[in-house]
Each structure stands twice: as structure tokens, then as C-alpha cells.
Amino acid sequence: MFLGPPAEPLRRVEPIYADGLIDAYKSKIADESRLFMDEFQSIPRIFSNYTIKEAKKPENQSKNRYVDILP
């Protein structure tokens, strides 16, 4: 299923190489993990466009692995 282009352009996130992982982690947890939160908030929420109608049907209840997380 093609969802079409994202509503807003995706934010470019630079790769973190193994030799810089600890420094990148320390940088991202500084200031109450603000950089981690900014990066997380930039992830598009494409699944909020879908309903959970099928997951709530009685015949599908047993297929839901967790009761509080519905597809």
C-alpha cells in the first residue's frame, strides 16, 4: 500500500559511527535528553492515519499480542 509523500520532509539524521557512539550518546542525553526527544519527535506518525477497528473485533482479540497495543 502506497501512502504517498510525507506531509513534511523527513529530517536528515547523520549516521553515528562505532568510534563516536559514546560521545554521541553523551551529547544526546545532555540537557534532559533534548536531542533524543527532538530526533524521536521528527519520526513521521504515518500509522495515526489508520483506525483500529479490525483489531477491536471479537474474532481478532486473541491475535492481539498485548491488550494495550493495537495495530
PDB file of N, CA and C in Angstrom:
ATOM      1  N   MET A   1       0.847  -1.168   0.000  1.00  0.00           N
ATOM      2  CA  MET A   1       0.000   0.000   0.000  1.00  0.00           C
ATOM      3  C   MET A   1       0.893   1.233   0.000  1.00  0.00           C
ATOM      4  N   PHE A   2       0.690   2.108  -0.961  1.00  0.00           N
ATOM      5  CA  PHE A   2       1.457   3.347  -1.050  1.00  0.00           C
ATOM      6  C   PHE A   2       0.752   4.431  -0.270  1.00  0.00           C
ATOM      7  N   LEU A   3       1.473   5.074   0.615  1.00  0.00           N
ATOM      8  CA  LEU A   3       0.883   6.090   1.473  1.00  0.00           C
ATOM      9  C   LEU A   3       1.013   7.491   0.910  1.00  0.00           C
ATOM     10  N   GLY A   4       1.785   7.653  -0.156  1.00  0.00           N
ATOM     11  CA  GLY A   4       2.004   8.974  -0.714  1.00  0.00           C
ATOM     12  C   GLY A   4       3.153   9.664  -0.008  1.00  0.00           C
ATOM     13  N   PRO A   5       3.474  10.853  -0.457  1.00  0.00           N
ATOM     14  CA  PRO A   5       4.600  11.562   0.147  1.00  0.00           C
ATOM     15  C   PRO A   5       4.279  11.998   1.570  1.00  0.00           C
ATOM     16  N   PRO A   6       5.293  12.099   2.419  1.00  0.00           N
ATOM     17  CA  PRO A   6       5.041  12.554   3.790  1.00  0.00           C
ATOM     18  C   PRO A   6       4.523  13.985   3.788  1.00  0.00           C
ATOM     19  N   ALA A   7       3.769  14.333   4.804  1.00  0.00           N
ATOM     20  CA  ALA A   7       3.192  15.672   4.901  1.00  0.00           C
ATOM     21  C   ALA A   7       4.284  16.732   4.969  1.00  0.00           C
ATOM     22  N   GLU A   8       5.374  16.410   5.612  1.00  0.00           N
ATOM     23  CA  GLU A   8       6.502  17.334   5.678  1.00  0.00           C
ATOM     24  C   GLU A   8       7.766  16.548   5.375  1.00  0.00           C
ATOM     25  N   PRO A   9       8.798  17.211   4.873  1.00  0.00           N
ATOM     26  CA  PRO A   9      10.014  16.478   4.502  1.00  0.00           C
ATOM     27  C   PRO A   9      10.655  15.794   5.709  1.00  0.00           C
ATOM     28  N   LEU A  10      11.255  14.639   5.448  1.00  0.00           N
ATOM     29  CA  LEU A  10      11.934  13.908   6.517  1.00  0.00           C
ATOM     30  C   LEU A  10      13.195  14.650   6.927  1.00  0.00           C
ATOM     31  N   ARG A  11      13.456  14.646   8.198  1.00  0.00           N
ATOM     32  CA  ARG A  11      14.648  15.301   8.730  1.00  0.00           C
ATOM     33  C   ARG A  11      15.853  14.402   8.503  1.00  0.00           C
ATOM     34  N   ARG A  12      16.928  14.966   8.032  1.00  0.00           N
ATOM     35  CA  ARG A  12      18.150  14.198   7.797  1.00  0.00           C
ATOM     36  C   ARG A  12      18.873  13.998   9.127  1.00  0.00           C
ATOM     37  N   VAL A  13      19.171  12.752   9.439  1.00  0.00           N
ATOM     38  CA  VAL A  13      19.899  12.410  10.666  1.00  0.00           C
ATOM     39  C   VAL A  13      21.212  11.768  10.243  1.00  0.00           C
ATOM     40  N   GLU A  14      22.286  12.320  10.729  1.00  0.00           N
ATOM     41  CA  GLU A  14      23.607  11.812  10.373  1.00  0.00           C
ATOM     42  C   GLU A  14      23.867  10.469  11.053  1.00  0.00           C
ATOM     43  N   PRO A  15      24.570   9.566  10.365  1.00  0.00           N
ATOM     44  CA  PRO A  15      24.892   8.275  10.989  1.00  0.00           C
ATOM     45  C   PRO A  15      25.853   8.464  12.159  1.00  0.00           C
ATOM     46  N   ILE A  16      25.785   7.542  13.092  1.00  0.00           N
ATOM     47  CA  ILE A  16      26.705   7.550  14.230  1.00  0.00           C
ATOM     48  C   ILE A  16      27.608   6.332  14.072  1.00  0.00           C
ATOM     49  N   TYR A  17      28.888   6.588  13.936  1.00  0.00           N
ATOM     50  CA  TYR A  17      29.841   5.500  13.755  1.00  0.00           C
ATOM     51  C   TYR A  17      30.253   4.944  15.118  1.00  0.00           C
ATOM     52  N   ALA A  18      30.691   3.695  15.131  1.00  0.00           N
ATOM     53  CA  ALA A  18      31.005   2.997  16.378  1.00  0.00           C
ATOM     54  C   ALA A  18      32.022   3.755  17.225  1.00  0.00           C
ATOM     55  N   ASP A  19      33.034   4.326  16.595  1.00  0.00           N
ATOM     56  CA  ASP A  19      34.066   5.005  17.388  1.00  0.00           C
ATOM     57  C   ASP A  19      33.581   6.329  17.982  1.00  0.00           C
ATOM     58  N   GLY A  20      32.435   6.830  17.543  1.00  0.00           N
ATOM     59  CA  GLY A  20      31.886   8.059  18.097  1.00  0.00           C
ATOM     60  C   GLY A  20      30.609   7.848  18.880  1.00  0.00           C
ATOM     61  N   LEU A  21      30.255   6.594  19.123  1.00  0.00           N
ATOM     62  CA  LEU A  21      28.977   6.277  19.759  1.00  0.00           C
ATOM     63  C   LEU A  21      28.856   6.845  21.175  1.00  0.00           C
ATOM     64  N   ILE A  22      29.873   6.690  21.973  1.00  0.00           N
ATOM     65  CA  ILE A  22      29.800   7.175  23.361  1.00  0.00           C
ATOM     66  C   ILE A  22      29.669   8.691  23.396  1.00  0.00           C
ATOM     67  N   ASP A  23      30.448   9.385  22.571  1.00  0.00           N
ATOM     68  CA  ASP A  23      30.352  10.851  22.534  1.00  0.00           C
ATOM     69  C   ASP A  23      28.983  11.295  22.034  1.00  0.00           C
ATOM     70  N   ALA A  24      28.450  10.609  21.025  1.00  0.00           N
ATOM     71  CA  ALA A  24      27.122  10.957  20.506  1.00  0.00           C
ATOM     72  C   ALA A  24      26.058  10.731  21.575  1.00  0.00           C
ATOM     73  N   TYR A  25      26.174   9.637  22.300  1.00  0.00           N
ATOM     74  CA  TYR A  25      25.223   9.344  23.378  1.00  0.00           C
ATOM     75  C   TYR A  25      25.272  10.428  24.452  1.00  0.00           C
ATOM     76  N   LYS A  26      26.470  10.781  24.876  1.00  0.00           N
ATOM     77  CA  LYS A  26      26.621  11.813  25.910  1.00  0.00           C
ATOM     78  C   LYS A  26      26.034  13.140  25.441  1.00  0.00           C
ATOM     79  N   SER A  27      26.240  13.449  24.181  1.00  0.00           N
ATOM     80  CA  SER A  27      25.705  14.693  23.627  1.00  0.00           C
ATOM     81  C   SER A  27      24.183  14.681  23.622  1.00  0.00           C
ATOM     82  N   LYS A  28      23.600  13.537  23.257  1.00  0.00           N
ATOM     83  CA  LYS A  28      22.141  13.451  23.143  1.00  0.00           C
ATOM     84  C   LYS A  28      21.431  13.391  24.497  1.00  0.00           C
ATOM     85  N   ILE A  29      22.110  12.898  25.537  1.00  0.00           N
ATOM     86  CA  ILE A  29      21.449  12.865  26.847  1.00  0.00           C
ATOM     87  C   ILE A  29      21.622  14.171  27.612  1.00  0.00           C
ATOM     88  N   ALA A  30      22.504  15.038  27.124  1.00  0.00           N
ATOM     89  CA  ALA A  30      22.680  16.337  27.782  1.00  0.00           C
ATOM     90  C   ALA A  30      21.386  17.134  27.688  1.00  0.00           C
ATOM     91  N   ASP A  31      21.201  18.037  28.597  1.00  0.00           N
ATOM     92  CA  ASP A  31      20.027  18.915  28.599  1.00  0.00           C
ATOM     93  C   ASP A  31      18.729  18.105  28.621  1.00  0.00           C
ATOM     94  N   GLU A  32      18.657  17.177  29.574  1.00  0.00           N
ATOM     95  CA  GLU A  32      17.467  16.346  29.790  1.00  0.00           C
ATOM     96  C   GLU A  32      17.058  15.564  28.535  1.00  0.00           C
ATOM     97  N   SER A  33      18.037  15.035  27.828  1.00  0.00           N
ATOM     98  CA  SER A  33      17.831  14.209  26.624  1.00  0.00           C
ATOM     99  C   SER A  33      17.093  14.953  25.512  1.00  0.00           C
ATOM    100  N   ARG A  34      17.267  16.258  25.457  1.00  0.00           N
ATOM    101  CA  ARG A  34      16.560  17.073  24.469  1.00  0.00           C
ATOM    102  C   ARG A  34      16.825  16.605  23.031  1.00  0.00           C
ATOM    103  N   LEU A  35      18.086  16.270  22.702  1.00  0.00           N
ATOM    104  CA  LEU A  35      18.391  15.847  21.333  1.00  0.00           C
ATOM    105  C   LEU A  35      17.741  14.509  20.994  1.00  0.00           C
ATOM    106  N   PHE A  36      17.685  13.592  21.958  1.00  0.00           N
ATOM    107  CA  PHE A  36      16.976  12.330  21.721  1.00  0.00           C
ATOM    108  C   PHE A  36      15.498  12.596  21.446  1.00  0.00           C
ATOM    109  N   MET A  37      14.899  13.449  22.248  1.00  0.00           N
ATOM    110  CA  MET A  37      13.475  13.754  22.071  1.00  0.00           C
ATOM    111  C   MET A  37      13.210  14.453  20.743  1.00  0.00           C
ATOM    112  N   ASP A  38      14.074  15.390  20.368  1.00  0.00           N
ATOM    113  CA  ASP A  38      13.905  16.078  19.084  1.00  0.00           C
ATOM    114  C   ASP A  38      13.952  15.086  17.930  1.00  0.00           C
ATOM    115  N   GLU A  39      14.903  14.165  17.990  1.00  0.00           N
ATOM    116  CA  GLU A  39      15.039  13.175  16.927  1.00  0.00           C
ATOM    117  C   GLU A  39      13.820  12.250  16.900  1.00  0.00           C
ATOM    118  N   PHE A  40      13.375  11.817  18.065  1.00  0.00           N
ATOM    119  CA  PHE A  40      12.205  10.939  18.137  1.00  0.00           C
ATOM    120  C   PHE A  40      10.956  11.643  17.614  1.00  0.00           C
ATOM    121  N   GLN A  41      10.766  12.899  17.997  1.00  0.00           N
ATOM    122  CA  GLN A  41       9.586  13.650  17.566  1.00  0.00           C
ATOM    123  C   GLN A  41       9.589  13.895  16.060  1.00  0.00           C
ATOM    124  N   SER A  42      10.750  13.813  15.414  1.00  0.00           N
ATOM    125  CA  SER A  42      10.819  14.048  13.973  1.00  0.00           C
ATOM    126  C   SER A  42      10.372  12.835  13.159  1.00  0.00           C
ATOM    127  N   ILE A  43      10.175  11.687  13.804  1.00  0.00           N
ATOM    128  CA  ILE A  43       9.728  10.486  13.093  1.00  0.00           C
ATOM    129  C   ILE A  43       8.277  10.680  12.668  1.00  0.00           C
ATOM    130  N   PRO A  44       7.986  10.509  11.374  1.00  0.00           N
ATOM    131  CA  PRO A  44       6.600  10.705  10.913  1.00  0.00           C
ATOM    132  C   PRO A  44       5.647   9.707  11.569  1.00  0.00           C
ATOM    133  N   ARG A  45       4.472  10.165  11.884  1.00  0.00           N
ATOM    134  CA  ARG A  45       3.459   9.313  12.509  1.00  0.00           C
ATOM    135  C   ARG A  45       2.464   8.854  11.446  1.00  0.00           C
ATOM    136  N   ILE A  46       2.932   7.980  10.559  1.00  0.00           N
ATOM    137  CA  ILE A  46       2.083   7.563   9.444  1.00  0.00           C
ATOM    138  C   ILE A  46       0.961   6.642   9.890  1.00  0.00           C
ATOM    139  N   PHE A  47       1.140   5.939  10.983  1.00  0.00           N
ATOM    140  CA  PHE A  47       0.119   4.986  11.387  1.00  0.00           C
ATOM    141  C   PHE A  47      -1.047   5.630  12.116  1.00  0.00           C
ATOM    142  N   SER A  48      -0.945   6.890  12.447  1.00  0.00           N
ATOM    143  CA  SER A  48      -2.077   7.552  13.090  1.00  0.00           C
ATOM    144  C   SER A  48      -3.209   7.795  12.101  1.00  0.00           C
ATOM    145  N   ASN A  49      -2.951   7.532  10.816  1.00  0.00           N
ATOM    146  CA  ASN A  49      -3.980   7.702   9.791  1.00  0.00           C
ATOM    147  C   ASN A  49      -4.916   6.495   9.703  1.00  0.00           C
ATOM    148  N   TYR A  50      -4.608   5.443  10.411  1.00  0.00           N
ATOM    149  CA  TYR A  50      -5.378   4.212  10.310  1.00  0.00           C
ATOM    150  C   TYR A  50      -6.211   3.981  11.568  1.00  0.00           C
ATOM    151  N   THR A  51      -7.338   3.323  11.386  1.00  0.00           N
ATOM    152  CA  THR A  51      -8.183   3.013  12.533  1.00  0.00           C
ATOM    153  C   THR A  51      -7.754   1.674  13.143  1.00  0.00           C
ATOM    154  N   ILE A  52      -8.272   1.389  14.326  1.00  0.00           N
ATOM    155  CA  ILE A  52      -8.001   0.104  14.981  1.00  0.00           C
ATOM    156  C   ILE A  52      -9.276  -0.736  15.008  1.00  0.00           C
ATOM    157  N   LYS A  53     -10.174  -0.414  14.101  1.00  0.00           N
ATOM    158  CA  LYS A  53     -11.478  -1.076  14.035  1.00  0.00           C
ATOM    159  C   LYS A  53     -11.344  -2.598  13.932  1.00  0.00           C
ATOM    160  N   GLU A  54     -10.475  -3.081  13.059  1.00  0.00           N
ATOM    161  CA  GLU A  54     -10.327  -4.530  12.870  1.00  0.00           C
ATOM    162  C   GLU A  54      -9.722  -5.198  14.106  1.00  0.00           C
ATOM    163  N   ALA A  55      -8.787  -4.541  14.754  1.00  0.00           N
ATOM    164  CA  ALA A  55      -8.145  -5.122  15.938  1.00  0.00           C
ATOM    165  C   ALA A  55      -9.115  -5.271  17.092  1.00  0.00           C
ATOM    166  N   LYS A  56     -10.140  -4.437  17.137  1.00  0.00           N
ATOM    167  CA  LYS A  56     -11.105  -4.482  18.242  1.00  0.00           C
ATOM    168  C   LYS A  56     -12.217  -5.508  18.030  1.00  0.00           C
ATOM    169  N   LYS A  57     -12.317  -6.090  16.850  1.00  0.00           N
ATOM    170  CA  LYS A  57     -13.365  -7.085  16.598  1.00  0.00           C
ATOM    171  C   LYS A  57     -13.122  -8.316  17.469  1.00  0.00           C
ATOM    172  N   PRO A  58     -14.193  -8.907  17.997  1.00  0.00           N
ATOM    173  CA  PRO A  58     -14.047 -10.079  18.882  1.00  0.00           C
ATOM    174  C   PRO A  58     -13.227 -11.212  18.263  1.00  0.00           C
ATOM    175  N   GLU A  59     -13.398 -11.457  16.972  1.00  0.00           N
ATOM    176  CA  GLU A  59     -12.665 -12.565  16.342  1.00  0.00           C
ATOM    177  C   GLU A  59     -11.162 -12.289  16.225  1.00  0.00           C
ATOM    178  N   ASN A  60     -10.758 -11.054  16.419  1.00  0.00           N
ATOM    179  CA  ASN A  60      -9.334 -10.718  16.337  1.00  0.00           C
ATOM    180  C   ASN A  60      -8.693 -10.454  17.695  1.00  0.00           C
ATOM    181  N   GLN A  61      -9.470 -10.449  18.763  1.00  0.00           N
ATOM    182  CA  GLN A  61      -8.942 -10.149  20.094  1.00  0.00           C
ATOM    183  C   GLN A  61      -7.797 -11.083  20.490  1.00  0.00           C
ATOM    184  N   SER A  62      -7.921 -12.355  20.187  1.00  0.00           N
ATOM    185  CA  SER A  62      -6.883 -13.312  20.590  1.00  0.00           C
ATOM    186  C   SER A  62      -5.596 -13.134  19.789  1.00  0.00           C
ATOM    187  N   LYS A  63      -5.663 -12.444  18.673  1.00  0.00           N
ATOM    188  CA  LYS A  63      -4.480 -12.225  17.837  1.00  0.00           C
ATOM    189  C   LYS A  63      -3.649 -11.035  18.305  1.00  0.00           C
ATOM    190  N   ASN A  64      -4.225 -10.206  19.161  1.00  0.00           N
ATOM    191  CA  ASN A  64      -3.509  -9.039  19.660  1.00  0.00           C
ATOM    192  C   ASN A  64      -2.564  -9.476  20.769  1.00  0.00           C
ATOM    193  N   ARG A  65      -1.288  -9.339  20.530  1.00  0.00           N
ATOM    194  CA  ARG A  65      -0.285  -9.814  21.480  1.00  0.00           C
ATOM    195  C   ARG A  65      -0.403  -9.116  22.831  1.00  0.00           C
ATOM    196  N   TYR A  66      -0.610  -7.806  22.812  1.00  0.00           N
ATOM    197  CA  TYR A  66      -0.756  -7.035  24.042  1.00  0.00           C
ATOM    198  C   TYR A  66      -2.109  -6.343  24.016  1.00  0.00           C
ATOM    199  N   VAL A  67      -2.774  -6.291  25.142  1.00  0.00           N
ATOM    200  CA  VAL A  67      -4.116  -5.709  25.171  1.00  0.00           C
ATOM    201  C   VAL A  67      -4.099  -4.193  25.022  1.00  0.00           C
ATOM    202  N   ASP A  68      -2.981  -3.559  25.350  1.00  0.00           N
ATOM    203  CA  ASP A  68      -2.931  -2.098  25.274  1.00  0.00           C
ATOM    204  C   ASP A  68      -2.216  -1.560  24.030  1.00  0.00           C
ATOM    205  N   ILE A  69      -1.801  -2.442  23.126  1.00  0.00           N
ATOM    206  CA  ILE A  69      -1.155  -2.022  21.879  1.00  0.00           C
ATOM    207  C   ILE A  69      -1.908  -2.671  20.729  1.00  0.00           C
ATOM    208  N   LEU A  70      -2.585  -1.848  19.956  1.00  0.00           N
ATOM    209  CA  LEU A  70      -3.381  -2.357  18.846  1.00  0.00           C
ATOM    210  C   LEU A  70      -2.798  -1.887  17.525  1.00  0.00           C
ATOM    211  N   PRO A  71      -2.825  -2.763  16.512  1.00  0.00           N
ATOM    212  CA  PRO A  71      -2.285  -2.375  15.201  1.00  0.00           C
ATOM    213  C   PRO A  71      -3.154  -1.335  14.520  1.00  0.00           C
TER     214      PRO A  71
END
